[in-house]
Every structure is written in C-alpha cells, then in structure tokens.
Protein backbone atom coordinates (compact mmCIF):
# COMPACT_ATOMS: atom_id res chain seq x y z
CA MET A 1 36.24 50.15 130.67
CA PRO A 2 35.60 52.31 133.70
CA LEU A 3 38.33 54.66 134.84
CA VAL A 4 38.41 55.01 138.57
CA ILE A 5 40.44 57.24 140.83
CA PHE A 6 41.44 55.50 144.03
CA ALA A 7 41.55 57.78 147.06
CA VAL A 8 43.94 55.66 149.09
CA PHE A 9 46.17 57.25 151.71
CA LYS A 10 45.09 60.69 150.47
CA TRP A 11 46.69 60.32 147.01
CA HIS A 12 45.07 59.63 143.69
CA ASP A 13 45.85 56.66 141.47
CA PRO A 14 43.74 56.70 138.30
CA ARG A 15 43.48 53.27 136.71
CA TRP A 16 41.32 51.47 134.16
CA VAL A 17 39.35 48.68 135.84
CA SER A 18 37.27 45.86 134.39
CA PRO A 19 33.53 46.58 134.33
CA GLU A 20 33.05 43.13 135.91
CA THR A 21 35.06 44.06 139.03
CA ARG A 22 32.96 43.46 142.11
CA ALA A 23 31.94 46.66 143.91
CA VAL A 24 29.62 48.06 146.55
CA SER A 25 28.17 51.54 146.98
CA GLY A 26 30.42 54.01 148.72
CA HIS A 27 27.33 55.75 150.02
CA VAL A 28 26.39 52.70 152.06
CA TYR A 29 29.86 51.69 153.29
CA LYS A 30 31.92 54.87 153.63
CA VAL A 31 30.87 55.26 157.27
CA ILE A 32 32.83 52.08 158.05
CA ASP A 33 35.96 53.48 156.41
CA ASP A 34 35.46 56.92 157.99
CA ASP A 35 34.97 55.41 161.47
CA ALA A 36 38.26 53.51 161.04
CA GLY A 37 40.13 56.72 160.19
CA ALA A 38 39.47 56.89 156.42
CA TRP A 39 42.32 54.59 155.41
CA GLY A 40 40.83 54.17 151.94
CA GLY A 41 39.21 50.78 152.15
CA ILE A 42 37.10 48.25 153.97
CA THR A 43 37.32 44.49 154.24
CA TYR A 44 35.08 41.85 152.74
CA ASP A 45 33.72 40.83 156.15
CA ALA A 46 32.10 44.29 156.49
CA ILE A 47 30.07 43.86 153.29
CA GLN A 48 26.58 42.45 152.91
CA HIS A 49 26.76 39.92 150.07
CA CYS A 50 23.46 41.17 148.61
CA ASP A 51 25.08 44.61 148.02
CA ILE A 52 27.83 43.33 145.72
CA ARG A 53 27.37 44.27 142.05
CA PRO A 54 29.61 44.55 139.01
CA LEU A 55 31.21 47.97 138.62
CA ARG A 56 29.33 48.48 135.33
CA ASP A 57 26.10 48.83 137.36
CA PHE A 58 27.29 52.08 138.97
CA ALA A 59 26.91 55.51 137.39
CA CYS A 60 29.83 57.77 136.56
CA GLY A 61 30.59 59.98 139.52
CA SER A 62 29.71 57.25 142.02
CA GLU A 63 31.91 56.60 145.00
CA VAL A 64 32.40 52.85 145.37
CA PHE A 65 34.50 50.25 147.13
CA LEU A 66 36.16 47.87 144.64
CA GLU A 67 37.44 44.41 145.40
CA ALA A 68 41.25 44.32 145.38
CA ASP A 69 42.60 42.81 142.20
CA HIS A 70 45.66 41.23 143.83
CA PRO A 71 45.30 38.13 146.03
CA GLY A 72 47.81 39.48 148.56
CA GLU A 73 45.75 42.58 149.39
CA VAL A 74 44.47 41.30 152.73
CA LEU A 75 44.77 42.47 156.33
CA ASP A 76 45.05 39.01 157.88
CA ASP A 77 46.95 36.22 156.10
CA ASP A 78 45.23 33.67 158.36
CA ASP A 79 41.80 34.73 157.06
CA PRO A 80 42.42 36.09 153.55
CA GLU A 81 38.83 35.86 152.30
CA ALA A 82 37.23 37.82 155.15
CA SER A 83 40.06 40.35 155.34
CA ARG A 84 40.37 41.00 151.59
CA ILE A 85 40.54 44.75 151.00
CA TRP A 86 37.95 46.60 148.96
CA TRP A 87 39.45 49.97 147.97
CA ARG A 88 37.53 53.24 148.11
CA ALA A 89 37.34 54.82 144.68
CA LEU A 90 35.53 57.35 142.54
CA LEU A 91 34.22 56.24 139.15
CA VAL A 92 35.21 59.09 136.87
CA THR A 93 34.36 57.79 133.41
CA CYS A 94 33.02 54.68 131.77
CA ILE A 95 33.28 53.64 128.12
CA ILE A 96 30.17 51.63 127.43
CA SER A 97 30.62 51.00 123.71
CA PRO A 98 33.19 51.78 121.03
CA GLY A 99 33.19 55.54 120.57
CA GLY A 100 30.78 56.12 123.47
CA SER A 101 31.05 56.95 127.12
CA SER A 102 28.93 58.02 130.01
C-alpha cells in the first residue's frame, strides 16, 4: 500500500492509504490550494472528473490530492458531495508486490 505524508495545517501525518483511493495530481491543482492560503486541501467541486485516478497510478514522490476517507470531511453539510475535502499529500513510498516497492 502507498504511504503518504499529509501536509495539512503545516504538520505531517504519515499514513498507509489504499492504492484504490481516488486522487488527482498536485501539480495541476496545488494552485487552487495555494490561492486559498495553502490550507492543505481542495474540494471535489474544484476537480475535473477526467483527472481523477486511483492513487496506484501516481509515482512515488508525487504530490497529490486524495479524497477524504471519512464521510464527514466536508466544508458544507448542505452540499457534502461538492464540498468533500481532498487532502494535499506527498506519496513517499508504495509497495507494489510482496517484498517489492517503488
């Protein structure tokens, strides 16, 4: 499973994440987060659906935004789908097979 380090609120929270977790390229979307003050995430409504891929498609060392894994991680309870948070993270390692990694 990929190990990612979340850069949320300027602290680091390393965590193992499923390779099937939906993600988008940080390269493409970090300007949205940076323009908002670099809070550490963006919302689903800022994402082009065609850019969403499973985390396993990204190379180690990639900066990504990952879909929140908890249903309550939204900015607006009245519109939870559009305001679902996608956290900014760095993919630091990925085990691709037993005994292997990249």
